[in-house]
Structures are given as structure tokens and as C-alpha cells.
C-alpha atoms as a PDB file:
ATOM      1  CA  MET A   1      72.500 173.013 119.977  1.00  0.00           C
ATOM      2  CA  LYS A   2      71.294 169.460 120.549  1.00  0.00           C
ATOM      3  CA  PHE A   3      68.331 168.264 118.499  1.00  0.00           C
ATOM      4  CA  GLU A   4      66.281 165.552 120.201  1.00  0.00           C
ATOM      5  CA  GLU A   5      63.525 163.084 119.311  1.00  0.00           C
ATOM      6  CA  GLU A   6      61.917 159.968 120.814  1.00  0.00           C
ATOM      7  CA  PHE A   7      61.936 156.633 118.988  1.00  0.00           C
ATOM      8  CA  LYS A   8      60.086 153.431 119.839  1.00  0.00           C
ATOM      9  CA  VAL A   9      61.849 150.158 119.058  1.00  0.00           C
ATOM     10  CA  GLY A  10      59.694 148.205 116.619  1.00  0.00           C
ATOM     11  CA  ILE A  11      59.809 144.821 114.943  1.00  0.00           C
ATOM     12  CA  ARG A  12      62.050 146.109 112.123  1.00  0.00           C
ATOM     13  CA  GLU A  13      64.731 147.257 114.571  1.00  0.00           C
ATOM     14  CA  ILE A  14      65.199 144.020 116.513  1.00  0.00           C
ATOM     15  CA  GLY A  15      66.998 140.759 115.834  1.00  0.00           C
ATOM     16  CA  LEU A  16      66.454 137.148 116.841  1.00  0.00           C
ATOM     17  CA  LYS A  17      67.079 137.872 120.521  1.00  0.00           C
ATOM     18  CA  ASN A  18      64.509 140.680 120.802  1.00  0.00           C
ATOM     19  CA  GLU A  19      67.261 143.296 121.069  1.00  0.00           C
ATOM     20  CA  ILE A  20      67.819 146.295 118.828  1.00  0.00           C
ATOM     21  CA  THR A  21      70.348 145.582 116.083  1.00  0.00           C
ATOM     22  CA  ASN A  22      73.165 147.825 114.935  1.00  0.00           C
ATOM     23  CA  TYR A  23      71.196 148.305 111.726  1.00  0.00           C
ATOM     24  CA  GLY A  24      68.161 149.385 113.755  1.00  0.00           C
ATOM     25  CA  ILE A  25      70.220 151.880 115.739  1.00  0.00           C
ATOM     26  CA  LEU A  26      71.809 153.405 112.641  1.00  0.00           C
ATOM     27  CA  ALA A  27      68.374 153.662 111.009  1.00  0.00           C
ATOM     28  CA  PHE A  28      67.164 155.757 113.969  1.00  0.00           C
ATOM     29  CA  LEU A  29      70.295 157.921 113.804  1.00  0.00           C
ATOM     30  CA  GLU A  30      69.939 158.446 110.067  1.00  0.00           C
ATOM     31  CA  ASP A  31      66.316 159.506 110.565  1.00  0.00           C
ATOM     32  CA  LEU A  32      67.279 161.898 113.355  1.00  0.00           C
ATOM     33  CA  ALA A  33      70.055 163.495 111.290  1.00  0.00           C
ATOM     34  CA  THR A  34      67.681 164.083 108.374  1.00  0.00           C
ATOM     35  CA  TYR A  35      64.983 165.493 110.677  1.00  0.00           C
ATOM     36  CA  HIS A  36      67.533 167.916 112.135  1.00  0.00           C
ATOM     37  CA  SER A  37      68.781 168.964 108.698  1.00  0.00           C
ATOM     38  CA  ASP A  38      65.205 169.516 107.572  1.00  0.00           C
ATOM     39  CA  THR A  39      64.635 172.084 110.339  1.00  0.00           C
ATOM     40  CA  VAL A  40      67.525 174.247 109.110  1.00  0.00           C
ATOM     41  CA  GLY A  41      66.848 174.145 105.373  1.00  0.00           C
ATOM     42  CA  TYR A  42      68.932 171.128 104.347  1.00  0.00           C
ATOM     43  CA  GLY A  43      66.264 168.440 104.261  1.00  0.00           C
ATOM     44  CA  VAL A  44      65.263 166.063 101.478  1.00  0.00           C
ATOM     45  CA  LYS A  45      62.753 168.580 100.112  1.00  0.00           C
ATOM     46  CA  ASP A  46      65.526 171.207  99.919  1.00  0.00           C
ATOM     47  CA  ILE A  47      67.836 169.208  97.636  1.00  0.00           C
ATOM     48  CA  PRO A  48      66.640 171.003  94.442  1.00  0.00           C
ATOM     49  CA  ILE A  49      67.055 174.398  96.143  1.00  0.00           C
ATOM     50  CA  ASN A  50      70.507 173.686  97.560  1.00  0.00           C
ATOM     51  CA  LYS A  51      71.545 171.760  94.419  1.00  0.00           C
ATOM     52  CA  GLY A  52      73.054 169.123  96.654  1.00  0.00           C
ATOM     53  CA  ALA A  53      72.805 167.098  99.834  1.00  0.00           C
ATOM     54  CA  TRP A  54      74.759 165.911 102.863  1.00  0.00           C
ATOM     55  CA  LEU A  55      76.548 162.620 102.210  1.00  0.00           C
ATOM     56  CA  LEU A  56      77.795 160.322 104.953  1.00  0.00           C
ATOM     57  CA  MET A  57      81.482 159.383 104.985  1.00  0.00           C
ATOM     58  CA  ASP A  58      81.978 157.566 108.311  1.00  0.00           C
ATOM     59  CA  TRP A  59      80.116 155.884 111.150  1.00  0.00           C
ATOM     60  CA  GLU A  60      81.370 154.961 114.615  1.00  0.00           C
ATOM     61  CA  LEU A  61      78.987 153.290 117.073  1.00  0.00           C
ATOM     62  CA  GLU A  62      79.511 152.034 120.617  1.00  0.00           C
ATOM     63  CA  VAL A  63      76.652 150.220 122.345  1.00  0.00           C
ATOM     64  CA  LYS A  64      76.797 149.963 126.141  1.00  0.00           C
ATOM     65  CA  LYS A  65      73.385 148.334 126.641  1.00  0.00           C
ATOM     66  CA  ARG A  66      70.862 146.908 124.164  1.00  0.00           C
ATOM     67  CA  ALA A  67      67.322 148.260 124.019  1.00  0.00           C
ATOM     68  CA  ARG A  68      64.519 145.755 123.423  1.00  0.00           C
ATOM     69  CA  PHE A  69      61.252 145.634 121.504  1.00  0.00           C
ATOM     70  CA  ASN A  70      58.773 148.345 122.534  1.00  0.00           C
ATOM     71  CA  ASP A  71      61.390 150.343 124.474  1.00  0.00           C
ATOM     72  CA  VAL A  72      61.203 154.108 124.068  1.00  0.00           C
ATOM     73  CA  LEU A  73      64.528 155.815 123.383  1.00  0.00           C
ATOM     74  CA  THR A  74      65.468 159.462 123.544  1.00  0.00           C
ATOM     75  CA  ILE A  75      68.166 160.292 121.012  1.00  0.00           C
ATOM     76  CA  ASN A  76      69.939 163.597 120.520  1.00  0.00           C
ATOM     77  CA  THR A  77      72.367 164.802 117.903  1.00  0.00           C
ATOM     78  CA  TYR A  78      74.601 167.838 117.508  1.00  0.00           C
ATOM     79  CA  ALA A  79      77.455 169.129 115.383  1.00  0.00           C
ATOM     80  CA  PRO A  80      80.689 169.813 117.318  1.00  0.00           C
ATOM     81  CA  ILE A  81      82.510 173.089 116.697  1.00  0.00           C
ATOM     82  CA  LEU A  82      85.323 172.986 114.122  1.00  0.00           C
ATOM     83  CA  ASP A  83      88.621 174.851 114.520  1.00  0.00           C
ATOM     84  CA  LYS A  84      88.377 175.818 110.869  1.00  0.00           C
ATOM     85  CA  LEU A  85      85.959 175.054 108.073  1.00  0.00           C
ATOM     86  CA  SER A  86      86.999 172.570 105.404  1.00  0.00           C
ATOM     87  CA  PHE A  87      85.164 169.983 103.320  1.00  0.00           C
ATOM     88  CA  HIS A  88      83.739 167.898 106.140  1.00  0.00           C
ATOM     89  CA  CYS A  89      82.056 168.198 109.515  1.00  0.00           C
ATOM     90  CA  TYR A  90      80.989 165.853 112.300  1.00  0.00           C
ATOM     91  CA  ARG A  91      77.724 164.883 113.946  1.00  0.00           C
ATOM     92  CA  ASN A  92      77.526 163.199 117.349  1.00  0.00           C
ATOM     93  CA  PHE A  93      74.683 161.163 118.853  1.00  0.00           C
ATOM     94  CA  GLU A  94      73.647 160.092 122.347  1.00  0.00           C
ATOM     95  CA  ILE A  95      71.002 157.415 123.013  1.00  0.00           C
ATOM     96  CA  TYR A  96      69.161 157.230 126.350  1.00  0.00           C
ATOM     97  CA  ASN A  97      66.629 154.697 127.610  1.00  0.00           C
ATOM     98  CA  ALA A  98      63.446 155.445 129.593  1.00  0.00           C
ATOM     99  CA  SER A  99      65.519 155.552 132.802  1.00  0.00           C
ATOM    100  CA  SER A 100      67.703 158.343 131.337  1.00  0.00           C
ATOM    101  CA  GLU A 101      70.614 155.922 131.149  1.00  0.00           C
ATOM    102  CA  LEU A 102      73.121 156.538 128.352  1.00  0.00           C
ATOM    103  CA  ILE A 103      73.090 153.229 126.448  1.00  0.00           C
ATOM    104  CA  ALA A 104      74.913 154.106 123.221  1.00  0.00           C
ATOM    105  CA  THR A 105      76.961 156.823 121.536  1.00  0.00           C
ATOM    106  CA  ALA A 106      77.837 157.422 117.902  1.00  0.00           C
ATOM    107  CA  THR A 107      79.885 159.749 115.767  1.00  0.00           C
ATOM    108  CA  SER A 108      79.653 160.428 112.039  1.00  0.00           C
ATOM    109  CA  LYS A 109      81.428 162.476 109.382  1.00  0.00           C
ATOM    110  CA  TRP A 110      79.628 164.271 106.546  1.00  0.00           C
ATOM    111  CA  ILE A 111      80.370 166.222 103.376  1.00  0.00           C
ATOM    112  CA  PHE A 112      78.104 168.396 101.255  1.00  0.00           C
ATOM    113  CA  TYR A 113      77.959 167.224  97.649  1.00  0.00           C
ATOM    114  CA  ASN A 114      76.842 169.584  94.886  1.00  0.00           C
ATOM    115  CA  PHE A 115      74.993 167.487  92.292  1.00  0.00           C
ATOM    116  CA  GLU A 116      74.983 170.289  89.736  1.00  0.00           C
ATOM    117  CA  LEU A 117      78.770 170.743  89.876  1.00  0.00           C
ATOM    118  CA  ASN A 118      79.328 167.025  90.571  1.00  0.00           C
ATOM    119  CA  LYS A 119      81.812 167.700  93.357  1.00  0.00           C
ATOM    120  CA  ILE A 120      82.242 168.199  97.102  1.00  0.00           C
ATOM    121  CA  THR A 121      81.579 171.748  98.280  1.00  0.00           C
ATOM    122  CA  LYS A 122      83.674 173.471 100.941  1.00  0.00           C
ATOM    123  CA  LEU A 123      81.579 174.351 103.975  1.00  0.00           C
ATOM    124  CA  THR A 124      80.735 177.984 104.617  1.00  0.00           C
ATOM    125  CA  SER A 125      80.099 179.698 107.956  1.00  0.00           C
ATOM    126  CA  GLU A 126      76.538 180.439 106.871  1.00  0.00           C
ATOM    127  CA  MET A 127      75.887 176.759 106.089  1.00  0.00           C
ATOM    128  CA  PHE A 128      77.536 175.318 109.207  1.00  0.00           C
ATOM    129  CA  CYS A 129      76.169 177.850 111.707  1.00  0.00           C
ATOM    130  CA  GLN A 130      72.604 176.849 110.806  1.00  0.00           C
ATOM    131  CA  PHE A 131      73.213 173.763 112.964  1.00  0.00           C
ATOM    132  CA  GLN A 132      74.285 175.856 115.992  1.00  0.00           C
ATOM    133  CA  PRO A 133      77.379 173.731 116.754  1.00  0.00           C
ATOM    134  CA  GLU A 134      78.533 173.069 120.297  1.00  0.00           C
ATOM    135  CA  GLY A 135      81.291 171.137 122.042  1.00  0.00           C
ATOM    136  CA  GLU A 136      84.646 170.086 120.588  1.00  0.00           C
ATOM    137  CA  ALA A 137      85.421 167.903 117.580  1.00  0.00           C
ATOM    138  CA  ILE A 138      88.587 166.350 119.055  1.00  0.00           C
ATOM    139  CA  GLU A 139      86.880 163.130 120.159  1.00  0.00           C
ATOM    140  CA  ALA A 140      85.088 162.714 116.831  1.00  0.00           C
ATOM    141  CA  GLU A 141      88.353 163.186 114.955  1.00  0.00           C
ATOM    142  CA  ARG A 142      90.040 160.558 117.135  1.00  0.00           C
ATOM    143  CA  LYS A 143      87.255 158.005 116.657  1.00  0.00           C
ATOM    144  CA  LEU A 144      87.048 158.479 112.909  1.00  0.00           C
ATOM    145  CA  LEU A 145      90.665 157.960 111.922  1.00  0.00           C
ATOM    146  CA  LYS A 146      90.998 156.507 108.430  1.00  0.00           C
ATOM    147  CA  LEU A 147      90.547 152.749 108.243  1.00  0.00           C
ATOM    148  CA  LYS A 148      93.214 150.762 106.406  1.00  0.00           C
ATOM    149  CA  GLU A 149      92.303 148.121 103.881  1.00  0.00           C
ATOM    150  CA  PRO A 150      93.771 144.680 104.709  1.00  0.00           C
ATOM    151  CA  SER A 151      97.002 144.043 102.834  1.00  0.00           C
ATOM    152  CA  SER A 152      95.881 140.571 101.824  1.00  0.00           C
ATOM    153  CA  TYR A 153      92.626 138.643 101.403  1.00  0.00           C
ATOM    154  CA  GLU A 154      94.203 135.211 101.551  1.00  0.00           C
ATOM    155  CA  ASN A 155      91.661 132.676 102.880  1.00  0.00           C
ATOM    156  CA  ALA A 156      88.997 135.389 102.983  1.00  0.00           C
ATOM    157  CA  SER A 157      85.289 134.551 102.732  1.00  0.00           C
ATOM    158  CA  ILE A 158      83.719 136.179  99.659  1.00  0.00           C
ATOM    159  CA  TYR A 159      80.162 137.274  98.900  1.00  0.00           C
ATOM    160  CA  ASN A 160      79.106 138.580  95.461  1.00  0.00           C
ATOM    161  CA  TYR A 161      76.135 140.881  95.008  1.00  0.00           C
ATOM    162  CA  THR A 162      74.391 142.861  92.272  1.00  0.00           C
ATOM    163  CA  VAL A 163      72.816 146.095  93.515  1.00  0.00           C
ATOM    164  CA  LYS A 164      69.026 146.155  93.185  1.00  0.00           C
ATOM    165  CA  ARG A 165      66.374 148.884  93.075  1.00  0.00           C
ATOM    166  CA  MET A 166      65.494 148.304  96.721  1.00  0.00           C
ATOM    167  CA  ASP A 167      69.061 149.298  97.684  1.00  0.00           C
ATOM    168  CA  ILE A 168      68.867 152.791  96.148  1.00  0.00           C
ATOM    169  CA  ASP A 169      68.052 155.933  98.150  1.00  0.00           C
ATOM    170  CA  VAL A 170      66.923 159.495  97.317  1.00  0.00           C
ATOM    171  CA  ASN A 171      70.446 160.401  96.168  1.00  0.00           C
ATOM    172  CA  LYS A 172      70.314 157.600  93.563  1.00  0.00           C
ATOM    173  CA  HIS A 173      73.041 155.490  95.095  1.00  0.00           C
ATOM    174  CA  MET A 174      73.020 152.572  97.515  1.00  0.00           C
ATOM    175  CA  ASN A 175      71.722 153.628 100.913  1.00  0.00           C
ATOM    176  CA  ASN A 176      74.395 153.867 103.603  1.00  0.00           C
ATOM    177  CA  LEU A 177      72.681 151.284 105.806  1.00  0.00           C
ATOM    178  CA  ASN A 178      72.745 148.662 103.072  1.00  0.00           C
ATOM    179  CA  TYR A 179      76.543 148.557 103.247  1.00  0.00           C
ATOM    180  CA  LEU A 180      76.091 147.118 106.732  1.00  0.00           C
ATOM    181  CA  ARG A 181      73.561 144.613 105.417  1.00  0.00           C
ATOM    182  CA  LEU A 182      76.091 143.498 102.813  1.00  0.00           C
ATOM    183  CA  ALA A 183      78.733 143.117 105.507  1.00  0.00           C
ATOM    184  CA  TYR A 184      76.429 140.857 107.529  1.00  0.00           C
ATOM    185  CA  GLU A 185      75.915 138.585 104.507  1.00  0.00           C
ATOM    186  CA  VAL A 186      79.583 137.629 104.459  1.00  0.00           C
ATOM    187  CA  LEU A 187      79.987 137.180 108.239  1.00  0.00           C
ATOM    188  CA  PRO A 188      80.477 133.587 109.411  1.00  0.00           C
ATOM    189  CA  GLU A 189      77.188 132.107 110.673  1.00  0.00           C
ATOM    190  CA  ASN A 190      78.461 131.606 114.236  1.00  0.00           C
ATOM    191  CA  ILE A 191      79.195 135.349 114.470  1.00  0.00           C
ATOM    192  CA  TYR A 192      76.052 136.496 112.686  1.00  0.00           C
ATOM    193  CA  PHE A 193      73.717 134.433 114.869  1.00  0.00           C
ATOM    194  CA  ASP A 194      75.560 135.202 118.117  1.00  0.00           C
ATOM    195  CA  ASN A 195      75.045 138.362 120.193  1.00  0.00           C
ATOM    196  CA  GLU A 196      75.186 141.583 118.187  1.00  0.00           C
ATOM    197  CA  LEU A 197      78.685 143.062 118.264  1.00  0.00           C
ATOM    198  CA  ASN A 198      78.733 146.296 120.266  1.00  0.00           C
ATOM    199  CA  ASN A 199      81.382 148.249 118.364  1.00  0.00           C
ATOM    200  CA  LEU A 200      81.070 149.315 114.743  1.00  0.00           C
ATOM    201  CA  ARG A 201      83.050 151.393 112.236  1.00  0.00           C
ATOM    202  CA  ILE A 202      82.121 152.062 108.643  1.00  0.00           C
ATOM    203  CA  MET A 203      84.207 154.129 106.236  1.00  0.00           C
ATOM    204  CA  TYR A 204      82.617 154.924 102.872  1.00  0.00           C
ATOM    205  CA  LYS A 205      84.967 155.517  99.931  1.00  0.00           C
ATOM    206  CA  HIS A 206      83.114 155.345  96.602  1.00  0.00           C
ATOM    207  CA  GLN A 207      79.386 155.283  95.985  1.00  0.00           C
ATOM    208  CA  ILE A 208      77.643 152.191  94.640  1.00  0.00           C
ATOM    209  CA  LYS A 209      74.911 152.578  92.031  1.00  0.00           C
ATOM    210  CA  LEU A 210      72.029 150.532  90.674  1.00  0.00           C
ATOM    211  CA  GLY A 211      73.217 147.468  88.784  1.00  0.00           C
ATOM    212  CA  ASP A 212      76.776 147.608  90.100  1.00  0.00           C
ATOM    213  CA  LYS A 213      78.333 144.254  90.903  1.00  0.00           C
ATOM    214  CA  VAL A 214      80.268 144.221  94.159  1.00  0.00           C
ATOM    215  CA  LYS A 215      82.411 141.703  96.001  1.00  0.00           C
ATOM    216  CA  CYS A 216      82.591 141.530  99.811  1.00  0.00           C
ATOM    217  CA  PHE A 217      85.691 140.094 101.500  1.00  0.00           C
ATOM    218  CA  TYR A 218      85.679 138.961 105.140  1.00  0.00           C
ATOM    219  CA  ILE A 219      88.708 138.368 107.338  1.00  0.00           C
ATOM    220  CA  LYS A 220      89.326 138.476 111.086  1.00  0.00           C
ATOM    221  CA  LYS A 221      92.335 140.376 112.365  1.00  0.00           C
ATOM    222  CA  ASP A 222      93.268 141.443 115.902  1.00  0.00           C
ATOM    223  CA  GLU A 223      89.828 140.371 117.179  1.00  0.00           C
ATOM    224  CA  ARG A 224      88.088 142.589 114.635  1.00  0.00           C
ATOM    225  CA  ASN A 225      85.747 141.321 111.930  1.00  0.00           C
ATOM    226  CA  ILE A 226      86.741 143.255 108.810  1.00  0.00           C
ATOM    227  CA  ILE A 227      84.639 143.405 105.656  1.00  0.00           C
ATOM    228  CA  SER A 228      85.897 145.182 102.545  1.00  0.00           C
ATOM    229  CA  ILE A 229      83.302 145.986  99.882  1.00  0.00           C
ATOM    230  CA  LYS A 230      84.921 146.281  96.460  1.00  0.00           C
ATOM    231  CA  SER A 231      83.940 146.406  92.818  1.00  0.00           C
ATOM    232  CA  ALA A 232      83.650 143.072  91.022  1.00  0.00           C
ATOM    233  CA  ASP A 233      87.019 143.651  89.326  1.00  0.00           C
ATOM    234  CA  GLU A 234      88.496 144.492  92.763  1.00  0.00           C
ATOM    235  CA  LYS A 235      89.908 147.802  91.488  1.00  0.00           C
ATOM    236  CA  THR A 236      87.614 150.099  93.494  1.00  0.00           C
ATOM    237  CA  LEU A 237      87.216 150.054  97.263  1.00  0.00           C
ATOM    238  CA  HIS A 238      83.666 151.116  98.125  1.00  0.00           C
ATOM    239  CA  ALA A 239      83.722 150.754 101.899  1.00  0.00           C
ATOM    240  CA  ILE A 240      85.315 149.091 104.908  1.00  0.00           C
ATOM    241  CA  VAL A 241      83.176 147.779 107.769  1.00  0.00           C
ATOM    242  CA  GLU A 242      84.690 146.701 111.090  1.00  0.00           C
ATOM    243  CA  LEU A 243      82.781 144.927 113.886  1.00  0.00           C
ATOM    244  CA  TRP A 244      84.093 143.833 117.275  1.00  0.00           C
END
């Protein structure tokens, strides 16, 4: 079943050209997903009861038309039906403007992490059915194929960062949206200050914690802007962000 809410585009969601940013869109989607989970007993307040929480593994976003400041958006989300239960599930999103025009779609992949056992938990029918899934997962699976790390970072731009308190979320690791903020820091200025790129993929690999030092590498390949976020020693890949 689709879960729906209205959002009004504010000053925090827009960029220099008065249009909603990819960060602003993902912030709305993250809020909507948590609101939905809260209604079925998997909200932030339920973390101690469930001994865990949903963790995001992938984002895919396609923007067809940019909303602007003060626009009212209607956004829905739903979990597509799985052929069989495993360790992950999907969540789709549709964004409509005031004219009921579909202006953006998104897909995400989630796992349930048990903090007490310190491991991923296999989904159960009881857990998954709370979200009343509908539709098929084929399209989500196609859009969220595993991203490949570039084979070389020769001539790559590099940005170093130490994770601060403001980056940390309720799960005590760096908030998912801040990976995108890091990616923007290493983008060339002509790309960053140009029109917002309408296609986005993020694949999360390893969590980043308070005080961690990370290194962001930027290269352009096949018309895609690719940012790899790695540990300072370059041994751990934390995430890959692609924009085009």
C-alpha cells in the first residue's frame, strides 16, 4: 500500500537557482520513509524495542522536472513485493507537483540491522507484511545493480575530510545524506555551480563514524561523475556516488 504525504519546498531544499536540489529531494524521501516505518512499528522510537533499525544501502533518483521554492509536492512510497524474503528489500518513491505531474522517481534498498547482535537480520514475513507491499521488484532490482569502483584514480581530484558531530545521525554513524554532501565537495566548480544533475546513484558499503578520516576521489568516466569515498588509508570503500 502506498503511503503519502505533502511537502513544501523551503529554503533548505533549494540551490542557487531557486530549484530543489538532489539533497533536498533525498531529505524529503528519507523523512517520508521514516514516517511510513513509524506507522507500522519500525520508527525511531521503536529502535530499543526492535533492537535494531532499517539501514539504507542504495539510492537511485531520476528527476524529470525541478520543483522550486514554495512549491507543494505530493510524495508517495511503497515496498514492492519480493519473490522470496532475504536480507534486503526495496522502497520506491513517486514525486508529483501541484498539477499532479510526475516530476521525479526514486528507488532504494534497505536492510534491517540488529544492534544487539551486531549483524544484518534476515527479513521475516511478519516484518515485511507490515508495509503491505504491492507491485513488482523487477524494476528496482534493475536500477540498483551493484556499482563498480573505478580501476584507477590516476589524475583524480581528492578531498580529505574528518567526520564531525554534525554528520552523525540517530544510529551513531554518518547520516546517509552527508555522503552526497561529501561528493559535492570534490566536484569540479563548473559542475557544482551548473544546473543540478538529474540522475543520481549512491551505493553504501561501510558505515562512517565520528572522527573517521575519509578521502573522496573524483573522476569522470563515460559522461558520469564518479565519486568514491574511502578511508584515509584507502583500504576501505565506504560508498560510491554517481551523478550524470
